Amino acid sequence: MRIGDADFTESICAEIGVSPEAAELLKRRHGIALKEEEQRLLAIAVHEELEQMSDALDIWGDLRSALGEEVEKEKSEAKRVAVAVRYPVERLVGEIERSLGFWRHNNPSKVVGQILLTGVGALLKDIDRLLSARLGAPVTIANPLARLRSGSPTVKKEEIEAAGTALTVAYGLALQESRRHINLMPARKAPTRRSGLHIRQVGALFLAAAISLFAALLTVRLSYSAQISAVEEECKALAPKNSRGPALMQRLKLAKESLLVARKAWDAVPDWREVMREISVLPQQGTLWFRALSFDAVCDQNGNPTHYKLRIEGYSYGAQAVTSLAVALSRLPQMCDIRTESLLPVTLGDEVFSRDLFMFVITGKLRLKQWQRFRDLNAER
């Protein structure tokens, strides 16, 4: 999503005509909850106190006039800030709704339990309450520095907490070399951290995935060869050696036509190596590793294939890579009904190996319209 804190700041600068520094202060002071801000401004207790002292103070009229102007000025300023950030906030809500819609379509049985906001944009006042109301899910502003202890007596805990979510990325980069990670998930779902796996074990895992992929490709080619060989044997069995009756000649003619159509269908279907090559170039390099790939034929009542069921199993570095692969597969003309069946963290025994490494399963269909004529000829026979 290319919408963030800079969009809010630029909108306020353009609407009100202030500097970026002043826009930052207005953004955190007023935010987007315009009605609540107006109520807060109108509830200033000084009015009531000065009203009680009006008889004793000769300058009450001047104070009331000056204070009223200040209140009206602040109310007007809050309105202008709310109007300025309305458009980028609506864009942000729309992008999140589209992402949630895609996730819910692929995971109909799951529910979004919580949404975490990070970054400077999360400091926009009441942005979490607005998103929670619009998205129908609890929204929390994450603060990775909540448990951080300062080693300097000059840095106060309140200053660290105030920085909060704005330093999420910087804090994560600082911990990258130490192999420590920021966990923003709820405590009951937090994955356990394990020491690094030996490089030879990882290499063996990827080698096994490559062997499984090659075995699946060989199985598909052998299946096609067996079907064509069966039709050829049927033609040889029907050769008119001892009888030249019209019924036998008609069966032989139909068998030859079936063999011709079968061979044309075989030539029309893309080479399986080409199909594998198209699939293998879809994921971004270094993000996905295939463990197994299979094409299971679905046949009609005569035993002729109508389409093939596609199943891809593998590992991914991050959940977003699996979503990108599923979208890319659905755009291929010969693919349809692509969906993500499962996306689970990789475990070793009872412990999660890494919070970024997932095991996924993607299924779909490979169309085979070339077999339609072959089925029709078998039905006539």
Protein backbone atom coordinates (compact mmCIF):
# COMPACT_ATOMS: atom_id res chain seq x y z
CA MET A 1 0.00 0.00 0.00
CA ARG A 2 1.57 3.29 -1.10
CA ILE A 3 -0.33 5.40 1.42
CA GLY A 4 1.28 6.60 4.62
CA ASP A 5 2.17 9.45 6.92
CA ALA A 6 3.66 11.57 4.13
CA ASP A 7 0.26 11.70 2.40
CA PHE A 8 -1.41 13.01 5.57
CA THR A 9 1.28 15.68 6.03
CA GLU A 10 1.17 16.83 2.40
CA SER A 11 -2.63 17.11 2.48
CA ILE A 12 -2.54 19.29 5.61
CA CYS A 13 0.21 21.51 4.14
CA ALA A 14 -1.78 21.99 0.93
CA GLU A 15 -5.14 22.59 2.66
CA ILE A 16 -4.04 24.92 5.47
CA GLY A 17 -0.82 26.33 3.97
CA VAL A 18 1.57 25.53 6.82
CA SER A 19 5.06 24.02 6.99
CA PRO A 20 5.59 20.25 7.32
CA GLU A 21 6.68 20.73 10.94
CA ALA A 22 3.48 22.60 11.78
CA ALA A 23 1.45 20.01 9.88
CA GLU A 24 2.91 17.26 12.11
CA LEU A 25 1.75 19.09 15.25
CA LEU A 26 -1.74 19.70 13.83
CA LYS A 27 -2.04 16.09 12.73
CA ARG A 28 -1.32 14.69 16.19
CA ARG A 29 -3.35 17.38 17.97
CA HIS A 30 -6.60 17.21 15.99
CA GLY A 31 -6.51 14.03 13.87
CA ILE A 32 -9.70 12.85 12.19
CA ALA A 33 -12.29 12.70 15.04
CA LEU A 34 -13.80 16.11 14.20
CA LYS A 35 -17.00 15.78 16.29
CA GLU A 36 -15.20 14.68 19.43
CA GLU A 37 -12.66 17.49 19.02
CA GLU A 38 -15.43 20.06 18.76
CA GLN A 39 -17.03 18.72 21.94
CA ARG A 40 -13.70 18.88 23.75
CA LEU A 41 -13.18 22.48 22.68
CA LEU A 42 -16.67 23.49 23.73
CA ALA A 43 -16.28 21.87 27.18
CA ILE A 44 -13.50 24.14 28.41
CA ALA A 45 -13.98 24.56 32.13
CA VAL A 46 -12.62 28.09 32.10
CA HIS A 47 -15.98 29.35 30.81
CA GLU A 48 -17.81 28.12 33.90
CA GLU A 49 -15.17 29.46 36.27
CA LEU A 50 -15.17 32.90 34.67
CA GLU A 51 -18.99 32.94 34.65
CA GLN A 52 -19.03 32.51 38.45
CA MET A 53 -16.49 35.33 38.83
CA SER A 54 -18.23 37.70 36.41
CA ASP A 55 -19.65 39.91 39.16
CA ALA A 56 -16.24 40.42 40.76
CA LEU A 57 -14.28 41.00 37.56
CA ASP A 58 -14.71 44.13 35.49
CA ILE A 59 -12.75 42.66 32.63
CA TRP A 60 -15.12 39.67 32.16
CA GLY A 61 -16.46 40.95 28.86
CA ASP A 62 -12.98 41.31 27.37
CA LEU A 63 -11.90 37.86 28.61
CA ARG A 64 -15.04 36.17 27.28
CA SER A 65 -14.59 37.81 23.88
CA ALA A 66 -10.89 36.88 23.64
CA LEU A 67 -11.48 33.30 24.84
CA GLY A 68 -14.40 32.83 22.45
CA GLU A 69 -12.27 33.92 19.53
CA GLU A 70 -9.53 31.47 20.57
CA VAL A 71 -12.03 28.61 20.87
CA GLU A 72 -13.58 29.38 17.50
CA LYS A 73 -10.12 29.56 15.94
CA GLU A 74 -9.19 26.14 17.35
CA LYS A 75 -12.51 24.62 16.21
CA SER A 76 -11.99 25.99 12.70
CA GLU A 77 -8.46 24.64 12.68
CA ALA A 78 -9.65 21.17 13.73
CA LYS A 79 -12.25 21.18 10.94
CA ARG A 80 -9.66 22.10 8.31
CA VAL A 81 -7.31 19.35 9.50
CA ALA A 82 -10.11 16.79 9.39
CA VAL A 83 -11.07 17.85 5.86
CA ALA A 84 -7.42 17.74 4.73
CA VAL A 85 -6.77 14.16 5.87
CA ARG A 86 -10.17 12.80 4.80
CA TYR A 87 -9.11 11.83 1.25
CA PRO A 88 -5.87 9.94 2.12
CA VAL A 89 -7.64 8.22 5.03
CA GLU A 90 -10.42 7.01 2.70
CA ARG A 91 -7.78 5.71 0.27
CA LEU A 92 -6.10 3.84 3.13
CA VAL A 93 -9.42 2.29 4.22
CA GLY A 94 -10.16 1.22 0.63
CA GLU A 95 -6.76 -0.46 0.20
CA ILE A 96 -7.10 -2.36 3.48
CA GLU A 97 -10.65 -3.47 2.60
CA ARG A 98 -9.46 -4.83 -0.77
CA SER A 99 -6.61 -6.75 0.90
CA LEU A 100 -8.94 -8.17 3.54
CA GLY A 101 -11.45 -9.15 0.85
CA PHE A 102 -8.81 -11.11 -1.06
CA TRP A 103 -7.62 -12.82 2.13
CA ARG A 104 -11.16 -13.74 3.20
CA HIS A 105 -11.90 -15.13 -0.28
CA ASN A 106 -8.94 -17.51 0.03
CA ASN A 107 -9.61 -18.25 3.72
CA PRO A 108 -13.41 -18.39 4.10
CA SER A 109 -13.26 -20.36 7.35
CA LYS A 110 -10.94 -17.92 9.13
CA VAL A 111 -11.67 -14.60 10.87
CA VAL A 112 -9.42 -11.56 11.24
CA GLY A 113 -8.84 -11.35 14.97
CA GLN A 114 -6.78 -8.17 15.18
CA ILE A 115 -5.13 -5.53 12.96
CA LEU A 116 -1.86 -3.89 14.06
CA LEU A 117 -0.80 -0.39 12.95
CA THR A 118 2.87 0.60 12.85
CA GLY A 119 4.84 3.58 11.60
CA VAL A 120 4.55 7.36 11.94
CA GLY A 121 1.14 7.32 10.19
CA ALA A 122 -0.31 5.45 13.16
CA LEU A 123 0.22 8.60 15.27
CA LEU A 124 -2.64 10.34 13.44
CA LYS A 125 -5.14 10.94 16.23
CA ASP A 126 -8.04 8.45 16.36
CA ILE A 127 -6.89 6.60 13.19
CA ASP A 128 -7.17 3.28 15.07
CA ARG A 129 -10.76 3.96 16.16
CA LEU A 130 -11.83 4.93 12.63
CA LEU A 131 -10.25 1.83 11.03
CA SER A 132 -11.80 -0.43 13.68
CA ALA A 133 -15.27 0.97 12.96
CA ARG A 134 -14.89 0.79 9.17
CA LEU A 135 -13.20 -2.62 8.94
CA GLY A 136 -15.21 -4.43 11.62
CA ALA A 137 -12.13 -5.74 13.43
CA PRO A 138 -10.13 -4.58 16.49
CA VAL A 139 -7.30 -2.21 15.52
CA THR A 140 -4.33 -1.67 17.84
CA ILE A 141 -1.32 0.65 17.50
CA ALA A 142 1.74 -1.55 18.02
CA ASN A 143 4.54 -0.29 20.24
CA PRO A 144 7.67 -2.50 19.97
CA LEU A 145 9.52 -0.26 22.42
CA ALA A 146 7.06 -0.82 25.28
CA ARG A 147 9.44 -3.24 27.05
CA LEU A 148 12.69 -1.57 25.98
CA ARG A 149 14.95 -0.53 28.83
CA SER A 150 17.27 2.44 28.35
CA GLY A 151 20.90 2.19 29.38
CA SER A 152 21.27 5.96 29.70
CA PRO A 153 19.92 7.87 32.73
CA THR A 154 19.30 10.93 30.52
CA VAL A 155 16.70 9.08 28.39
CA LYS A 156 13.36 8.81 30.16
CA LYS A 157 10.96 5.92 29.77
CA GLU A 158 8.21 8.36 28.73
CA GLU A 159 10.35 9.54 25.80
CA ILE A 160 10.89 5.96 24.62
CA GLU A 161 7.18 5.17 24.81
CA ALA A 162 6.33 8.40 22.96
CA ALA A 163 8.53 7.34 20.03
CA GLY A 164 6.70 4.02 20.06
CA THR A 165 5.41 2.80 16.72
CA ALA A 166 7.28 5.44 14.70
CA LEU A 167 10.56 3.54 15.26
CA THR A 168 9.27 0.04 14.39
CA VAL A 169 11.31 -0.31 11.18
CA ALA A 170 14.46 1.23 12.67
CA TYR A 171 14.21 -1.04 15.72
CA GLY A 172 13.76 -4.10 13.52
CA LEU A 173 16.82 -3.23 11.39
CA ALA A 174 18.88 -2.72 14.52
CA LEU A 175 17.98 -6.22 15.75
CA GLN A 176 18.53 -7.93 12.38
CA GLU A 177 22.20 -8.70 12.89
CA SER A 178 21.57 -10.09 16.39
CA ARG A 179 19.04 -12.61 14.98
CA ARG A 180 16.40 -11.30 17.35
CA HIS A 181 12.95 -10.49 15.99
CA ILE A 182 10.07 -8.20 16.93
CA ASN A 183 6.95 -10.24 17.60
CA LEU A 184 3.76 -8.22 17.06
CA MET A 185 1.42 -11.22 17.36
CA PRO A 186 -0.69 -11.87 20.48
CA ALA A 187 1.11 -13.82 23.19
CA ARG A 188 -0.94 -17.01 22.70
CA LYS A 189 -0.01 -17.08 19.00
CA ALA A 190 3.61 -16.00 19.30
CA PRO A 191 5.96 -18.44 17.52
CA THR A 192 8.88 -19.73 19.53
CA ARG A 193 12.36 -18.80 18.31
CA ARG A 194 14.85 -21.57 17.60
CA SER A 195 18.55 -21.49 16.86
CA GLY A 196 19.63 -21.49 13.18
CA LEU A 197 19.36 -24.76 11.28
CA HIS A 198 22.55 -26.21 9.83
CA ILE A 199 23.14 -25.27 6.19
CA ARG A 200 23.45 -28.92 5.13
CA GLN A 201 20.00 -29.72 6.47
CA VAL A 202 18.50 -26.84 4.49
CA GLY A 203 20.31 -27.99 1.35
CA ALA A 204 18.98 -31.53 1.79
CA LEU A 205 15.44 -30.16 2.15
CA PHE A 206 15.63 -28.27 -1.16
CA LEU A 207 17.26 -31.26 -2.91
CA ALA A 208 14.37 -33.49 -1.85
CA ALA A 209 11.91 -30.91 -3.22
CA ALA A 210 13.69 -30.90 -6.59
CA ILE A 211 13.63 -34.71 -6.81
CA SER A 212 9.90 -34.81 -6.02
CA LEU A 213 9.24 -32.21 -8.73
CA PHE A 214 11.12 -34.23 -11.35
CA ALA A 215 9.29 -37.43 -10.36
CA ALA A 216 5.91 -35.70 -10.78
CA LEU A 217 6.85 -34.52 -14.29
CA LEU A 218 8.00 -38.01 -15.31
CA THR A 219 4.74 -39.54 -14.02
CA VAL A 220 2.64 -37.20 -16.19
CA ARG A 221 4.56 -38.01 -19.36
CA LEU A 222 4.33 -41.76 -18.72
CA SER A 223 0.57 -41.43 -18.24
CA TYR A 224 0.14 -39.83 -21.67
CA SER A 225 2.38 -42.43 -23.34
CA ALA A 226 0.35 -45.27 -21.80
CA GLN A 227 -2.93 -43.85 -23.14
CA ILE A 228 -1.63 -43.53 -26.70
CA SER A 229 -0.10 -47.02 -26.57
CA ALA A 230 -3.46 -48.45 -25.47
CA VAL A 231 -5.21 -46.91 -28.52
CA GLU A 232 -2.52 -48.27 -30.85
CA GLU A 233 -2.93 -51.77 -29.43
CA GLU A 234 -6.69 -51.51 -29.97
CA CYS A 235 -6.15 -50.65 -33.64
CA LYS A 236 -3.82 -53.62 -34.11
CA ALA A 237 -6.36 -55.96 -32.50
CA LEU A 238 -9.03 -54.82 -34.93
CA ALA A 239 -6.94 -55.38 -38.06
CA PRO A 240 -9.06 -57.36 -40.62
CA LYS A 241 -6.94 -60.51 -40.87
CA ASN A 242 -9.63 -63.19 -41.02
CA SER A 243 -12.80 -61.22 -41.66
CA ARG A 244 -13.69 -58.22 -43.81
CA GLY A 245 -17.24 -57.73 -42.57
CA PRO A 246 -18.70 -54.19 -42.70
CA ALA A 247 -19.13 -54.00 -38.90
CA LEU A 248 -15.47 -54.86 -38.32
CA MET A 249 -14.32 -52.36 -40.94
CA GLN A 250 -16.45 -49.63 -39.32
CA ARG A 251 -14.92 -50.33 -35.89
CA LEU A 252 -11.45 -50.24 -37.43
CA LYS A 253 -12.20 -46.90 -39.08
CA LEU A 254 -13.42 -45.39 -35.80
CA ALA A 255 -10.41 -46.74 -33.94
CA LYS A 256 -8.03 -45.18 -36.47
CA GLU A 257 -9.84 -41.86 -36.21
CA SER A 258 -9.62 -42.03 -32.43
CA LEU A 259 -5.88 -42.68 -32.65
CA LEU A 260 -5.44 -39.73 -35.02
CA VAL A 261 -7.38 -37.39 -32.72
CA ALA A 262 -5.46 -38.65 -29.68
CA ARG A 263 -2.14 -37.94 -31.36
CA LYS A 264 -3.32 -34.46 -32.39
CA ALA A 265 -4.49 -33.82 -28.83
CA TRP A 266 -1.09 -34.90 -27.53
CA ASP A 267 0.65 -32.52 -29.95
CA ALA A 268 -1.77 -29.67 -29.07
CA VAL A 269 -1.15 -29.90 -25.32
CA PRO A 270 1.87 -27.77 -24.35
CA ASP A 271 4.99 -29.71 -23.48
CA TRP A 272 4.94 -30.39 -19.76
CA ARG A 273 8.43 -29.00 -19.46
CA GLU A 274 7.12 -25.72 -20.88
CA VAL A 275 4.28 -25.73 -18.36
CA MET A 276 6.77 -26.34 -15.56
CA ARG A 277 8.99 -23.56 -16.89
CA GLU A 278 6.08 -21.10 -16.90
CA ILE A 279 5.23 -21.98 -13.32
CA SER A 280 8.84 -21.91 -12.09
CA VAL A 281 9.47 -18.32 -13.26
CA LEU A 282 6.38 -16.92 -11.53
CA PRO A 283 7.69 -16.60 -7.93
CA GLN A 284 10.22 -13.96 -7.05
CA GLN A 285 13.72 -15.41 -6.77
CA GLY A 286 14.65 -16.45 -3.25
CA THR A 287 11.10 -16.36 -1.83
CA LEU A 288 9.55 -19.73 -2.84
CA TRP A 289 10.81 -23.32 -3.05
CA PHE A 290 8.63 -26.07 -4.54
CA ARG A 291 8.56 -29.39 -2.71
CA ALA A 292 6.18 -31.27 -5.03
CA LEU A 293 4.05 -30.58 -8.10
CA SER A 294 1.43 -32.98 -9.49
CA PHE A 295 -1.13 -33.12 -12.30
CA ASP A 296 -3.90 -35.68 -11.63
CA ALA A 297 -6.15 -36.52 -14.60
CA VAL A 298 -9.94 -36.25 -14.18
CA CYS A 299 -11.64 -38.56 -16.71
CA ASP A 300 -15.19 -38.96 -17.98
CA GLN A 301 -17.22 -42.18 -17.92
CA ASN A 302 -15.31 -43.49 -20.96
CA GLY A 303 -11.94 -43.03 -19.28
CA ASN A 304 -10.94 -39.98 -21.34
CA PRO A 305 -9.31 -37.03 -19.49
CA THR A 306 -11.37 -33.84 -19.28
CA HIS A 307 -8.91 -31.75 -17.26
CA TYR A 308 -6.03 -32.08 -14.81
CA LYS A 309 -5.96 -31.18 -11.12
CA LEU A 310 -2.92 -29.07 -10.27
CA ARG A 311 -1.35 -29.31 -6.80
CA ILE A 312 1.77 -27.38 -5.76
CA GLU A 313 3.44 -27.94 -2.39
CA GLY A 314 6.45 -26.03 -1.17
CA TYR A 315 7.98 -23.54 1.22
CA SER A 316 7.89 -19.74 1.20
CA TYR A 317 9.79 -16.98 2.92
CA GLY A 318 6.86 -14.84 4.00
CA ALA A 319 3.12 -15.28 3.40
CA GLN A 320 2.94 -12.51 0.78
CA ALA A 321 5.01 -14.58 -1.68
CA VAL A 322 2.35 -17.33 -1.68
CA THR A 323 -0.40 -14.82 -2.40
CA SER A 324 1.62 -13.37 -5.32
CA LEU A 325 2.15 -16.86 -6.77
CA ALA A 326 -1.58 -17.68 -6.59
CA VAL A 327 -2.48 -14.44 -8.37
CA ALA A 328 0.13 -15.04 -11.09
CA LEU A 329 -1.12 -18.62 -11.67
CA SER A 330 -4.72 -17.43 -12.02
CA ARG A 331 -3.63 -15.11 -14.85
CA LEU A 332 -2.27 -17.96 -16.99
CA PRO A 333 -4.78 -18.76 -19.79
CA GLN A 334 -4.64 -22.54 -19.27
CA MET A 335 -5.15 -22.32 -15.47
CA CYS A 336 -8.41 -21.87 -13.54
CA ASP A 337 -9.86 -22.31 -10.02
CA ILE A 338 -6.52 -21.40 -8.37
CA ARG A 339 -6.74 -21.25 -4.58
CA THR A 340 -4.46 -21.50 -1.53
CA GLU A 341 -5.47 -24.62 0.42
CA SER A 342 -3.13 -24.17 3.38
CA LEU A 343 -0.42 -21.81 4.66
CA LEU A 344 1.22 -22.97 7.91
CA PRO A 345 4.52 -22.17 9.69
CA VAL A 346 7.23 -24.82 9.32
CA THR A 347 7.63 -26.79 12.55
CA LEU A 348 10.36 -29.06 13.90
CA GLY A 349 8.71 -31.37 16.38
CA ASP A 350 6.40 -29.26 18.52
CA GLU A 351 8.25 -25.99 17.91
CA VAL A 352 7.96 -23.46 15.10
CA PHE A 353 11.18 -23.38 13.08
CA SER A 354 10.96 -19.73 11.95
CA ARG A 355 8.23 -17.11 11.99
CA ASP A 356 9.02 -16.21 8.34
CA LEU A 357 9.19 -19.74 6.84
CA PHE A 358 5.83 -21.23 5.77
CA MET A 359 4.70 -24.48 4.16
CA PHE A 360 1.97 -23.93 1.57
CA VAL A 361 -0.36 -25.90 -0.74
CA ILE A 362 -1.91 -24.35 -3.89
CA THR A 363 -4.50 -26.20 -6.04
CA GLY A 364 -6.16 -25.49 -9.37
CA LYS A 365 -7.15 -26.92 -12.75
CA LEU A 366 -5.36 -27.23 -16.11
CA ARG A 367 -7.84 -27.02 -19.03
CA LEU A 368 -7.76 -29.63 -21.80
CA LYS A 369 -10.27 -28.59 -24.46
CA GLN A 370 -8.35 -30.57 -27.10
CA TRP A 371 -9.90 -33.82 -25.85
CA GLN A 372 -13.50 -32.86 -26.70
CA ARG A 373 -13.50 -34.44 -30.18
CA PHE A 374 -11.81 -37.57 -28.87
CA ARG A 375 -14.66 -38.04 -26.34
CA ASP A 376 -17.30 -37.51 -29.04
CA LEU A 377 -15.81 -40.21 -31.28
CA ASN A 378 -15.72 -42.70 -28.42
CA ALA A 379 -19.38 -41.94 -27.67
CA GLU A 380 -20.32 -42.72 -31.32
CA ARG A 381 -18.40 -45.97 -31.21
